[in-house]
Amino acid sequence: MPETALKQRLAERFREVNGDHPMTPADDAYVSAQFVVLEELCTALGRDADAVRRLMLERRLPLPGYLRSDGAEMVPADLFALAGEAGGVDRLETWFVAHWSDPATGKEEWDAYLSGQYVCLRSVTPATIRRKGRLTTAIGEAMDEPDPGSPQWLRRLHDMIDELDALEPEFTAYDRLRFDGPVSRDTCVAGPRARFPRA
């Protein structure tokens, strides 16, 4: 299949998953600073971009995180790192799912990983995915039962917020469109910091 057709199919799959939302110049600038163009990454690593697109369409590697307004497929610089740790693309799913004690949960996380939507993490690994989940849950629980009169409670809350802040990038307006509302940085970092400032 010609490259143009593969690229078109990948763009169609991306929009099926994320919806069809416009990328603004600010979105493009953010994405260009955080991610790399798939073809440029493949050239730098001696990989065939067409072959990588096929792996994405076959649900063996994650979709691009973004499509820039010029159509460039934007991916993390470490796109191939997990496959390398797993011993190859053929072993990646089994290796990834095994990081969860419940296979059903592991499969759900694998599907989420393949969507390319883990743009909420600076580095996407099973460990960071699990840690983000624990932190967002714990921050939400703390917010549900606040004890602002307790210095220990406030210190613990801000320790969790700071750790999540270090795991997550800034996000961009496009993300709030495709995720249909506030992102975790809004609800678990900026919001709690504004509501419960440090002592």
N, C-alpha and C. Protein backbone atom coordinates (compact mmCIF):
# COMPACT_ATOMS: atom_id res chain seq x y z
N MET A 1 0.85 -1.19 0.00
CA MET A 1 0.00 0.00 0.00
C MET A 1 0.89 1.24 0.00
N PRO A 2 0.63 2.22 -0.86
CA PRO A 2 1.47 3.41 -0.90
C PRO A 2 1.46 4.15 0.44
N GLU A 3 2.54 4.87 0.70
CA GLU A 3 2.66 5.58 1.97
C GLU A 3 1.50 6.55 2.17
N THR A 4 1.10 7.25 1.12
CA THR A 4 0.02 8.22 1.27
C THR A 4 -1.26 7.55 1.74
N ALA A 5 -1.54 6.36 1.26
CA ALA A 5 -2.74 5.65 1.68
C ALA A 5 -2.63 5.22 3.14
N LEU A 6 -1.45 4.74 3.55
CA LEU A 6 -1.26 4.35 4.95
C LEU A 6 -1.39 5.55 5.87
N LYS A 7 -0.81 6.65 5.45
CA LYS A 7 -0.89 7.86 6.27
C LYS A 7 -2.34 8.32 6.39
N GLN A 8 -3.09 8.21 5.30
CA GLN A 8 -4.50 8.59 5.33
C GLN A 8 -5.29 7.67 6.26
N ARG A 9 -5.02 6.37 6.18
CA ARG A 9 -5.72 5.42 7.06
C ARG A 9 -5.41 5.70 8.52
N LEU A 10 -4.16 6.03 8.80
CA LEU A 10 -3.78 6.32 10.18
C LEU A 10 -4.46 7.59 10.67
N ALA A 11 -4.56 8.60 9.81
CA ALA A 11 -5.27 9.84 10.18
C ALA A 11 -6.75 9.55 10.45
N GLU A 12 -7.34 8.69 9.64
CA GLU A 12 -8.75 8.34 9.84
C GLU A 12 -8.94 7.61 11.18
N ARG A 13 -8.02 6.67 11.49
CA ARG A 13 -8.11 5.95 12.76
C ARG A 13 -7.93 6.93 13.93
N PHE A 14 -6.99 7.85 13.78
CA PHE A 14 -6.76 8.84 14.84
C PHE A 14 -8.04 9.62 15.12
N ARG A 15 -8.72 10.05 14.06
CA ARG A 15 -9.94 10.86 14.25
C ARG A 15 -11.10 10.01 14.78
N GLU A 16 -11.12 8.74 14.46
CA GLU A 16 -12.13 7.86 15.03
C GLU A 16 -11.99 7.81 16.56
N VAL A 17 -10.74 7.80 17.02
CA VAL A 17 -10.46 7.69 18.45
C VAL A 17 -10.63 9.03 19.16
N ASN A 18 -10.18 10.12 18.53
CA ASN A 18 -10.08 11.41 19.21
C ASN A 18 -11.14 12.43 18.80
N GLY A 19 -11.91 12.14 17.77
CA GLY A 19 -12.82 13.14 17.24
C GLY A 19 -12.07 14.05 16.26
N ASP A 20 -12.80 14.90 15.60
CA ASP A 20 -12.20 15.78 14.60
C ASP A 20 -12.23 17.21 15.12
N HIS A 21 -11.16 17.59 15.83
CA HIS A 21 -11.08 18.92 16.44
C HIS A 21 -9.94 19.69 15.79
N PRO A 22 -10.11 21.00 15.61
CA PRO A 22 -9.05 21.78 14.97
C PRO A 22 -7.85 21.96 15.89
N MET A 23 -6.67 21.98 15.30
CA MET A 23 -5.44 22.30 16.02
C MET A 23 -5.11 23.77 15.76
N THR A 24 -4.98 24.56 16.79
CA THR A 24 -4.64 25.97 16.66
C THR A 24 -3.13 26.13 16.55
N PRO A 25 -2.65 27.31 16.16
CA PRO A 25 -1.20 27.55 16.17
C PRO A 25 -0.57 27.29 17.55
N ALA A 26 -1.28 27.64 18.61
CA ALA A 26 -0.76 27.38 19.96
C ALA A 26 -0.67 25.87 20.23
N ASP A 27 -1.67 25.11 19.78
CA ASP A 27 -1.63 23.65 19.92
C ASP A 27 -0.42 23.09 19.16
N ASP A 28 -0.25 23.55 17.92
CA ASP A 28 0.87 23.07 17.09
C ASP A 28 2.21 23.35 17.76
N ALA A 29 2.35 24.55 18.33
CA ALA A 29 3.61 24.92 18.97
C ALA A 29 3.88 24.04 20.19
N TYR A 30 2.84 23.80 20.98
CA TYR A 30 2.98 22.93 22.16
C TYR A 30 3.39 21.52 21.75
N VAL A 31 2.69 20.98 20.76
CA VAL A 31 2.95 19.61 20.33
C VAL A 31 4.35 19.48 19.73
N SER A 32 4.77 20.47 18.95
CA SER A 32 6.09 20.43 18.33
C SER A 32 7.20 20.48 19.38
N ALA A 33 6.92 21.12 20.52
CA ALA A 33 7.92 21.19 21.60
C ALA A 33 7.97 19.90 22.42
N GLN A 34 6.86 19.17 22.48
CA GLN A 34 6.77 18.00 23.34
C GLN A 34 6.98 16.67 22.61
N PHE A 35 6.72 16.65 21.30
CA PHE A 35 6.72 15.40 20.54
C PHE A 35 7.58 15.54 19.29
N VAL A 36 7.76 14.45 18.58
CA VAL A 36 8.57 14.45 17.36
C VAL A 36 7.72 13.93 16.20
N VAL A 37 8.08 14.31 14.99
CA VAL A 37 7.38 13.84 13.80
C VAL A 37 7.76 12.38 13.56
N LEU A 38 6.76 11.54 13.33
CA LEU A 38 7.00 10.10 13.16
C LEU A 38 8.06 9.82 12.11
N GLU A 39 7.94 10.44 10.95
CA GLU A 39 8.89 10.17 9.87
C GLU A 39 10.31 10.58 10.26
N GLU A 40 10.45 11.70 10.97
CA GLU A 40 11.78 12.14 11.40
C GLU A 40 12.37 11.18 12.42
N LEU A 41 11.54 10.69 13.34
CA LEU A 41 12.03 9.72 14.33
C LEU A 41 12.47 8.44 13.64
N CYS A 42 11.67 7.96 12.69
CA CYS A 42 12.01 6.72 11.98
C CYS A 42 13.31 6.90 11.19
N THR A 43 13.49 8.04 10.55
CA THR A 43 14.72 8.30 9.80
C THR A 43 15.91 8.29 10.74
N ALA A 44 15.78 8.93 11.89
CA ALA A 44 16.89 9.00 12.84
C ALA A 44 17.27 7.63 13.39
N LEU A 45 16.29 6.73 13.50
CA LEU A 45 16.53 5.41 14.08
C LEU A 45 16.69 4.32 13.04
N GLY A 46 16.65 4.70 11.77
CA GLY A 46 16.80 3.72 10.71
C GLY A 46 15.62 2.78 10.57
N ARG A 47 14.43 3.28 10.87
CA ARG A 47 13.21 2.47 10.76
C ARG A 47 12.39 2.95 9.57
N ASP A 48 11.55 2.06 9.07
CA ASP A 48 10.68 2.39 7.95
C ASP A 48 9.36 2.93 8.49
N ALA A 49 9.02 4.17 8.14
CA ALA A 49 7.81 4.79 8.68
C ALA A 49 6.55 4.03 8.27
N ASP A 50 6.54 3.51 7.06
CA ASP A 50 5.38 2.72 6.62
C ASP A 50 5.17 1.49 7.50
N ALA A 51 6.26 0.83 7.82
CA ALA A 51 6.16 -0.37 8.66
C ALA A 51 5.62 -0.01 10.04
N VAL A 52 6.04 1.13 10.56
CA VAL A 52 5.55 1.57 11.87
C VAL A 52 4.07 1.92 11.79
N ARG A 53 3.66 2.57 10.72
CA ARG A 53 2.23 2.88 10.56
C ARG A 53 1.40 1.59 10.53
N ARG A 54 1.91 0.58 9.86
CA ARG A 54 1.18 -0.71 9.82
C ARG A 54 1.05 -1.29 11.23
N LEU A 55 2.12 -1.22 12.01
CA LEU A 55 2.06 -1.73 13.38
C LEU A 55 1.02 -0.97 14.20
N MET A 56 0.92 0.32 13.98
CA MET A 56 -0.09 1.12 14.68
C MET A 56 -1.50 0.71 14.26
N LEU A 57 -1.71 0.53 12.96
CA LEU A 57 -3.02 0.14 12.46
C LEU A 57 -3.39 -1.28 12.88
N GLU A 58 -2.38 -2.12 13.10
CA GLU A 58 -2.61 -3.50 13.55
C GLU A 58 -2.74 -3.60 15.07
N ARG A 59 -2.72 -2.45 15.77
CA ARG A 59 -2.83 -2.40 17.24
C ARG A 59 -1.67 -3.13 17.91
N ARG A 60 -0.48 -2.88 17.39
CA ARG A 60 0.71 -3.45 18.01
C ARG A 60 1.64 -2.37 18.55
N LEU A 61 1.44 -1.14 18.11
CA LEU A 61 2.09 0.04 18.66
C LEU A 61 1.03 1.12 18.83
N PRO A 62 1.23 2.08 19.75
CA PRO A 62 0.20 3.10 19.96
C PRO A 62 0.07 4.07 18.80
N LEU A 63 -1.13 4.58 18.62
CA LEU A 63 -1.38 5.63 17.63
C LEU A 63 -0.57 6.87 17.99
N PRO A 64 -0.37 7.78 17.04
CA PRO A 64 0.26 9.05 17.36
C PRO A 64 -0.52 9.77 18.47
N GLY A 65 0.20 10.57 19.26
CA GLY A 65 -0.46 11.34 20.30
C GLY A 65 -1.27 12.48 19.73
N TYR A 66 -0.79 13.04 18.61
CA TYR A 66 -1.46 14.18 17.97
C TYR A 66 -1.25 14.11 16.47
N LEU A 67 -2.17 14.73 15.74
CA LEU A 67 -1.95 15.08 14.34
C LEU A 67 -1.83 16.59 14.28
N ARG A 68 -0.66 17.09 13.92
CA ARG A 68 -0.48 18.52 13.81
C ARG A 68 -1.34 19.05 12.67
N SER A 69 -1.59 20.34 12.63
CA SER A 69 -2.50 20.89 11.61
C SER A 69 -1.96 20.69 10.19
N ASP A 70 -0.64 20.46 10.04
CA ASP A 70 -0.09 20.18 8.71
C ASP A 70 -0.14 18.70 8.37
N GLY A 71 -0.77 17.89 9.26
CA GLY A 71 -0.92 16.47 9.01
C GLY A 71 0.19 15.61 9.57
N ALA A 72 1.22 16.23 10.16
CA ALA A 72 2.34 15.45 10.72
C ALA A 72 1.85 14.59 11.88
N GLU A 73 2.27 13.34 11.88
CA GLU A 73 1.93 12.40 12.96
C GLU A 73 2.95 12.62 14.08
N MET A 74 2.49 13.09 15.22
CA MET A 74 3.38 13.45 16.32
C MET A 74 3.40 12.34 17.37
N VAL A 75 4.59 11.86 17.68
CA VAL A 75 4.76 10.73 18.59
C VAL A 75 5.81 11.08 19.65
N PRO A 76 5.81 10.37 20.78
CA PRO A 76 6.86 10.61 21.76
C PRO A 76 8.22 10.13 21.24
N ALA A 77 9.26 10.79 21.69
CA ALA A 77 10.61 10.43 21.23
C ALA A 77 10.98 9.01 21.64
N ASP A 78 10.38 8.50 22.73
CA ASP A 78 10.67 7.14 23.19
C ASP A 78 9.60 6.14 22.74
N LEU A 79 9.01 6.38 21.57
CA LEU A 79 7.93 5.53 21.06
C LEU A 79 8.27 4.04 21.10
N PHE A 80 9.52 3.70 20.81
CA PHE A 80 9.90 2.28 20.69
C PHE A 80 10.53 1.72 21.97
N ALA A 81 10.60 2.53 23.03
CA ALA A 81 11.32 2.12 24.24
C ALA A 81 10.68 0.90 24.92
N LEU A 82 9.35 0.92 25.06
CA LEU A 82 8.69 -0.20 25.75
C LEU A 82 8.83 -1.49 24.96
N ALA A 83 8.72 -1.41 23.64
CA ALA A 83 8.91 -2.62 22.83
C ALA A 83 10.32 -3.15 23.01
N GLY A 84 11.28 -2.25 23.14
CA GLY A 84 12.65 -2.68 23.39
C GLY A 84 12.78 -3.38 24.73
N GLU A 85 12.15 -2.84 25.76
CA GLU A 85 12.19 -3.48 27.09
C GLU A 85 11.51 -4.84 27.06
N ALA A 86 10.44 -4.94 26.28
CA ALA A 86 9.66 -6.18 26.23
C ALA A 86 10.35 -7.28 25.43
N GLY A 87 11.35 -6.92 24.64
CA GLY A 87 12.03 -7.89 23.80
C GLY A 87 11.48 -7.93 22.39
N GLY A 88 10.79 -6.85 21.99
CA GLY A 88 10.26 -6.76 20.64
C GLY A 88 8.77 -6.50 20.62
N VAL A 89 8.29 -6.01 19.49
CA VAL A 89 6.87 -5.67 19.35
C VAL A 89 5.98 -6.89 19.57
N ASP A 90 6.44 -8.06 19.13
CA ASP A 90 5.61 -9.27 19.28
C ASP A 90 5.37 -9.63 20.74
N ARG A 91 6.25 -9.21 21.63
CA ARG A 91 6.11 -9.54 23.05
C ARG A 91 5.53 -8.41 23.87
N LEU A 92 5.30 -7.27 23.23
CA LEU A 92 4.95 -6.06 23.97
C LEU A 92 3.65 -6.20 24.73
N GLU A 93 2.59 -6.69 24.09
CA GLU A 93 1.29 -6.76 24.77
C GLU A 93 1.37 -7.63 26.02
N THR A 94 1.94 -8.83 25.91
CA THR A 94 2.04 -9.75 27.05
C THR A 94 2.84 -9.11 28.18
N TRP A 95 3.96 -8.50 27.82
CA TRP A 95 4.83 -7.84 28.80
C TRP A 95 4.09 -6.70 29.49
N PHE A 96 3.37 -5.90 28.73
CA PHE A 96 2.66 -4.74 29.26
C PHE A 96 1.55 -5.17 30.21
N VAL A 97 0.71 -6.08 29.76
CA VAL A 97 -0.45 -6.51 30.56
C VAL A 97 -0.01 -7.16 31.87
N ALA A 98 1.14 -7.82 31.87
CA ALA A 98 1.63 -8.52 33.06
C ALA A 98 1.98 -7.59 34.21
N HIS A 99 2.04 -6.29 33.96
CA HIS A 99 2.34 -5.34 35.03
C HIS A 99 1.14 -5.10 35.95
N TRP A 100 -0.02 -5.63 35.60
CA TRP A 100 -1.21 -5.52 36.45
C TRP A 100 -1.57 -6.91 36.97
N SER A 101 -1.89 -6.99 38.25
CA SER A 101 -2.23 -8.29 38.84
C SER A 101 -3.54 -8.83 38.26
N ASP A 102 -4.44 -7.93 37.88
CA ASP A 102 -5.71 -8.33 37.26
C ASP A 102 -5.55 -8.24 35.74
N PRO A 103 -5.59 -9.37 35.03
CA PRO A 103 -5.41 -9.34 33.58
C PRO A 103 -6.43 -8.46 32.86
N ALA A 104 -7.66 -8.39 33.37
CA ALA A 104 -8.67 -7.56 32.72
C ALA A 104 -8.29 -6.09 32.80
N THR A 105 -7.78 -5.67 33.96
CA THR A 105 -7.32 -4.29 34.10
C THR A 105 -6.12 -4.03 33.20
N GLY A 106 -5.21 -4.99 33.14
CA GLY A 106 -4.06 -4.86 32.26
C GLY A 106 -4.46 -4.72 30.81
N LYS A 107 -5.48 -5.45 30.40
CA LYS A 107 -5.96 -5.36 29.01
C LYS A 107 -6.61 -4.00 28.75
N GLU A 108 -7.35 -3.49 29.73
CA GLU A 108 -7.95 -2.15 29.58
C GLU A 108 -6.85 -1.10 29.41
N GLU A 109 -5.79 -1.23 30.21
CA GLU A 109 -4.70 -0.26 30.12
C GLU A 109 -3.94 -0.41 28.79
N TRP A 110 -3.83 -1.63 28.30
CA TRP A 110 -3.21 -1.86 27.00
C TRP A 110 -4.02 -1.16 25.90
N ASP A 111 -5.33 -1.30 25.96
CA ASP A 111 -6.18 -0.63 24.96
C ASP A 111 -6.02 0.89 25.06
N ALA A 112 -5.94 1.41 26.28
CA ALA A 112 -5.75 2.85 26.46
C ALA A 112 -4.39 3.28 25.92
N TYR A 113 -3.37 2.46 26.16
CA TYR A 113 -2.03 2.76 25.65
C TYR A 113 -2.02 2.81 24.12
N LEU A 114 -2.70 1.85 23.49
CA LEU A 114 -2.74 1.81 22.03
C LEU A 114 -3.46 3.01 21.43
N SER A 115 -4.35 3.64 22.19
CA SER A 115 -5.10 4.78 21.68
C SER A 115 -4.21 5.99 21.42
N GLY A 116 -3.01 5.99 22.01
CA GLY A 116 -2.13 7.14 21.89
C GLY A 116 -2.53 8.30 22.79
N GLN A 117 -3.55 8.09 23.63
CA GLN A 117 -4.07 9.19 24.43
C GLN A 117 -3.35 9.37 25.77
N TYR A 118 -2.31 8.59 26.01
CA TYR A 118 -1.54 8.80 27.23
C TYR A 118 -0.57 9.97 27.05
N VAL A 119 -1.09 11.05 26.46
CA VAL A 119 -0.32 12.30 26.35
C VAL A 119 -0.31 13.01 27.71
N CYS A 120 -0.97 12.41 28.70
CA CYS A 120 -1.04 12.98 30.04
C CYS A 120 0.18 12.62 30.87
N LEU A 121 1.14 11.92 30.29
CA LEU A 121 2.36 11.54 31.00
C LEU A 121 3.57 11.94 30.18
N ARG A 122 4.60 12.45 30.86
CA ARG A 122 5.84 12.79 30.17
C ARG A 122 6.51 11.53 29.63
N SER A 123 6.44 10.46 30.40
CA SER A 123 6.99 9.17 29.98
C SER A 123 5.93 8.11 30.23
N VAL A 124 5.54 7.40 29.18
CA VAL A 124 4.45 6.42 29.29
C VAL A 124 5.03 5.03 29.51
N THR A 125 4.90 4.55 30.73
CA THR A 125 5.32 3.19 31.09
C THR A 125 4.24 2.60 31.99
N PRO A 126 4.20 1.28 32.16
CA PRO A 126 3.24 0.72 33.12
C PRO A 126 3.40 1.34 34.50
N ALA A 127 4.62 1.60 34.93
CA ALA A 127 4.85 2.17 36.26
C ALA A 127 4.26 3.57 36.39
N THR A 128 4.48 4.42 35.39
CA THR A 128 3.94 5.79 35.49
C THR A 128 2.43 5.80 35.32
N ILE A 129 1.90 4.91 34.50
CA ILE A 129 0.44 4.81 34.36
C ILE A 129 -0.20 4.44 35.70
N ARG A 130 0.39 3.44 36.36
CA ARG A 130 -0.15 2.99 37.65
C ARG A 130 0.00 4.08 38.70
N ARG A 131 1.15 4.75 38.70
CA ARG A 131 1.37 5.78 39.72
C ARG A 131 0.42 6.95 39.52
N LYS A 132 0.19 7.35 38.27
CA LYS A 132 -0.75 8.43 38.02
C LYS A 132 -2.14 8.06 38.51
N GLY A 133 -2.55 6.82 38.25
CA GLY A 133 -3.87 6.38 38.71
C GLY A 133 -4.00 6.45 40.22
N ARG A 134 -2.95 6.00 40.93
CA ARG A 134 -3.00 6.05 42.40
C ARG A 134 -3.05 7.49 42.91
N LEU A 135 -2.24 8.35 42.30
CA LEU A 135 -2.19 9.74 42.76
C LEU A 135 -3.50 10.47 42.50
N THR A 136 -4.08 10.32 41.31
CA THR A 136 -5.34 11.02 41.03
C THR A 136 -6.45 10.54 41.95
N THR A 137 -6.47 9.23 42.24
CA THR A 137 -7.47 8.70 43.17
C THR A 137 -7.27 9.25 44.56
N ALA A 138 -6.03 9.25 45.04
CA ALA A 138 -5.74 9.72 46.39
C ALA A 138 -6.01 11.21 46.54
N ILE A 139 -5.67 12.00 45.52
CA ILE A 139 -5.93 13.43 45.57
C ILE A 139 -7.44 13.68 45.59
N GLY A 140 -8.19 12.95 44.76
CA GLY A 140 -9.64 13.08 44.75
C GLY A 140 -10.25 12.73 46.10
N GLU A 141 -9.76 11.66 46.73
CA GLU A 141 -10.28 11.26 48.04
C GLU A 141 -9.96 12.32 49.09
N ALA A 142 -8.76 12.88 49.03
CA ALA A 142 -8.39 13.92 49.99
C ALA A 142 -9.26 15.15 49.82
N MET A 143 -9.58 15.47 48.56
CA MET A 143 -10.43 16.64 48.29
C MET A 143 -11.87 16.40 48.76
N ASP A 144 -12.31 15.13 48.72
CA ASP A 144 -13.66 14.81 49.15
C ASP A 144 -13.82 14.92 50.67
N GLU A 145 -12.71 14.70 51.41
CA GLU A 145 -12.76 14.80 52.86
C GLU A 145 -11.64 15.72 53.34
N PRO A 146 -11.75 17.00 53.02
CA PRO A 146 -10.66 17.92 53.34
C PRO A 146 -10.54 18.17 54.84
N ASP A 147 -9.32 18.40 55.27
CA ASP A 147 -9.04 18.80 56.65
C ASP A 147 -8.04 19.94 56.60
N PRO A 148 -8.47 21.10 56.08
CA PRO A 148 -7.52 22.19 55.87
C PRO A 148 -6.91 22.73 57.14
N GLY A 149 -7.51 22.37 58.30
CA GLY A 149 -6.92 22.80 59.57
C GLY A 149 -5.74 21.97 60.00
N SER A 150 -5.48 20.88 59.28
CA SER A 150 -4.40 19.97 59.66
C SER A 150 -3.16 20.22 58.79
N PRO A 151 -2.05 20.64 59.37
CA PRO A 151 -0.83 20.84 58.57
C PRO A 151 -0.36 19.55 57.91
N GLN A 152 -0.56 18.43 58.59
CA GLN A 152 -0.14 17.14 58.02
C GLN A 152 -0.95 16.82 56.77
N TRP A 153 -2.26 17.05 56.85
CA TRP A 153 -3.13 16.79 55.70
C TRP A 153 -2.72 17.65 54.52
N LEU A 154 -2.50 18.94 54.79
CA LEU A 154 -2.13 19.86 53.73
C LEU A 154 -0.79 19.49 53.11
N ARG A 155 0.17 19.12 53.94
CA ARG A 155 1.49 18.74 53.44
C ARG A 155 1.40 17.47 52.59
N ARG A 156 0.61 16.50 53.05
CA ARG A 156 0.45 15.26 52.28
C ARG A 156 -0.23 15.54 50.94
N LEU A 157 -1.26 16.39 50.96
CA LEU A 157 -1.95 16.74 49.72
C LEU A 157 -0.98 17.36 48.73
N HIS A 158 -0.18 18.31 49.17
CA HIS A 158 0.73 18.99 48.25
C HIS A 158 1.89 18.10 47.81
N ASP A 159 2.28 17.16 48.65
CA ASP A 159 3.31 16.19 48.21
C ASP A 159 2.78 15.37 47.04
N MET A 160 1.50 14.94 47.12
CA MET A 160 0.91 14.16 46.02
C MET A 160 0.73 15.02 44.77
N ILE A 161 0.27 16.26 44.97
CA ILE A 161 0.09 17.16 43.82
C ILE A 161 1.42 17.39 43.13
N ASP A 162 2.48 17.63 43.90
CA ASP A 162 3.80 17.89 43.32
C ASP A 162 4.30 16.68 42.54
N GLU A 163 4.05 15.48 43.08
CA GLU A 163 4.49 14.28 42.37
C GLU A 163 3.74 14.11 41.05
N LEU A 164 2.43 14.36 41.08
CA LEU A 164 1.65 14.27 39.85
C LEU A 164 2.09 15.35 38.86
N ASP A 165 2.35 16.53 39.36
CA ASP A 165 2.82 17.63 38.52
C ASP A 165 4.08 17.24 37.76
N ALA A 166 4.98 16.52 38.44
CA ALA A 166 6.23 16.10 37.80
C ALA A 166 6.00 15.03 36.74
N LEU A 167 4.95 14.24 36.88
CA LEU A 167 4.65 13.17 35.92
C LEU A 167 3.97 13.70 34.66
N GLU A 168 3.21 14.80 34.81
CA GLU A 168 2.35 15.26 33.72
C GLU A 168 2.92 16.47 32.99
N PRO A 169 2.72 16.54 31.67
CA PRO A 169 3.04 17.77 30.94
C PRO A 169 1.93 18.81 31.16
N GLU A 170 2.01 19.91 30.44
CA GLU A 170 1.07 21.00 30.66
C GLU A 170 -0.29 20.78 30.01
N PHE A 171 -0.38 19.93 28.97
CA PHE A 171 -1.57 19.78 28.14
C PHE A 171 -1.77 21.03 27.28
N THR A 172 -2.69 20.93 26.33
CA THR A 172 -3.00 22.06 25.47
C THR A 172 -4.51 22.12 25.25
N ALA A 173 -4.99 23.19 24.64
CA ALA A 173 -6.44 23.37 24.49
C ALA A 173 -7.06 22.22 23.71
N TYR A 174 -6.34 21.68 22.74
CA TYR A 174 -6.85 20.56 21.95
C TYR A 174 -7.22 19.38 22.86
N ASP A 175 -6.40 19.13 23.88
CA ASP A 175 -6.67 18.00 24.78
C ASP A 175 -8.01 18.16 25.48
N ARG A 176 -8.33 19.38 25.87
CA ARG A 176 -9.59 19.61 26.58
C ARG A 176 -10.79 19.44 25.65
N LEU A 177 -10.57 19.59 24.35
CA LEU A 177 -11.63 19.31 23.38
C LEU A 177 -11.81 17.82 23.20
N ARG A 178 -10.72 17.10 22.96
CA ARG A 178 -10.88 15.67 22.68
C ARG A 178 -11.28 14.87 23.91
N PHE A 179 -10.88 15.35 25.11
CA PHE A 179 -11.28 14.66 26.33
C PHE A 179 -12.57 15.24 26.90
N ASP A 180 -13.17 16.18 26.19
CA ASP A 180 -14.50 16.71 26.50
C ASP A 180 -14.57 17.31 27.90
N GLY A 181 -13.59 18.15 28.23
CA GLY A 181 -13.66 18.83 29.52
C GLY A 181 -12.31 18.97 30.17
N PRO A 182 -12.31 19.25 31.47
CA PRO A 182 -11.05 19.42 32.18
C PRO A 182 -10.19 18.16 32.14
N VAL A 183 -8.89 18.34 32.14
CA VAL A 183 -7.95 17.22 32.19
C VAL A 183 -7.46 17.07 33.63
N SER A 184 -6.70 16.01 33.89
CA SER A 184 -6.27 15.73 35.26
C SER A 184 -5.40 16.85 35.83
N ARG A 185 -4.66 17.56 34.98
CA ARG A 185 -3.88 18.69 35.49
C ARG A 185 -4.81 19.78 36.05
N ASP A 186 -5.98 19.94 35.45
CA ASP A 186 -6.94 20.93 35.94
C ASP A 186 -7.55 20.48 37.27
N THR A 187 -7.99 19.21 37.32
CA THR A 187 -8.74 18.74 38.48
C THR A 187 -7.88 18.28 39.64
N CYS A 188 -6.64 17.86 39.35
CA CYS A 188 -5.81 17.26 40.41
C CYS A 188 -4.52 18.03 40.69
N VAL A 189 -4.24 19.08 39.92
CA VAL A 189 -3.05 19.89 40.18
C VAL A 189 -3.46 21.35 40.39
N ALA A 190 -3.92 22.01 39.33
CA ALA A 190 -4.24 23.44 39.44
C ALA A 190 -5.41 23.69 40.39
N GLY A 191 -6.46 22.88 40.29
CA GLY A 191 -7.64 23.08 41.13
C GLY A 191 -7.33 22.94 42.61
N PRO A 192 -6.74 21.82 43.04
CA PRO A 192 -6.41 21.68 44.47
C PRO A 192 -5.44 22.74 44.98
N ARG A 193 -4.47 23.13 44.15
CA ARG A 193 -3.52 24.16 44.60
C ARG A 193 -4.25 25.48 44.84
N ALA A 194 -5.21 25.80 43.99
CA ALA A 194 -5.95 27.05 44.17
C ALA A 194 -6.89 26.96 45.39
N ARG A 195 -7.49 25.80 45.58
CA ARG A 195 -8.47 25.65 46.68
C ARG A 195 -7.80 25.54 48.03
N PHE A 196 -6.66 24.86 48.06
CA PHE A 196 -5.94 24.64 49.32
C PHE A 196 -4.49 25.09 49.16
N PRO A 197 -4.23 26.40 49.21
CA PRO A 197 -2.86 26.88 49.03
C PRO A 197 -1.95 26.35 50.13
N ARG A 198 -0.67 26.30 49.82
CA ARG A 198 0.30 25.88 50.84
C ARG A 198 0.25 26.86 52.01
N ALA A 199 0.54 26.32 53.18
CA ALA A 199 0.55 27.16 54.37
C ALA A 199 1.62 28.24 54.22
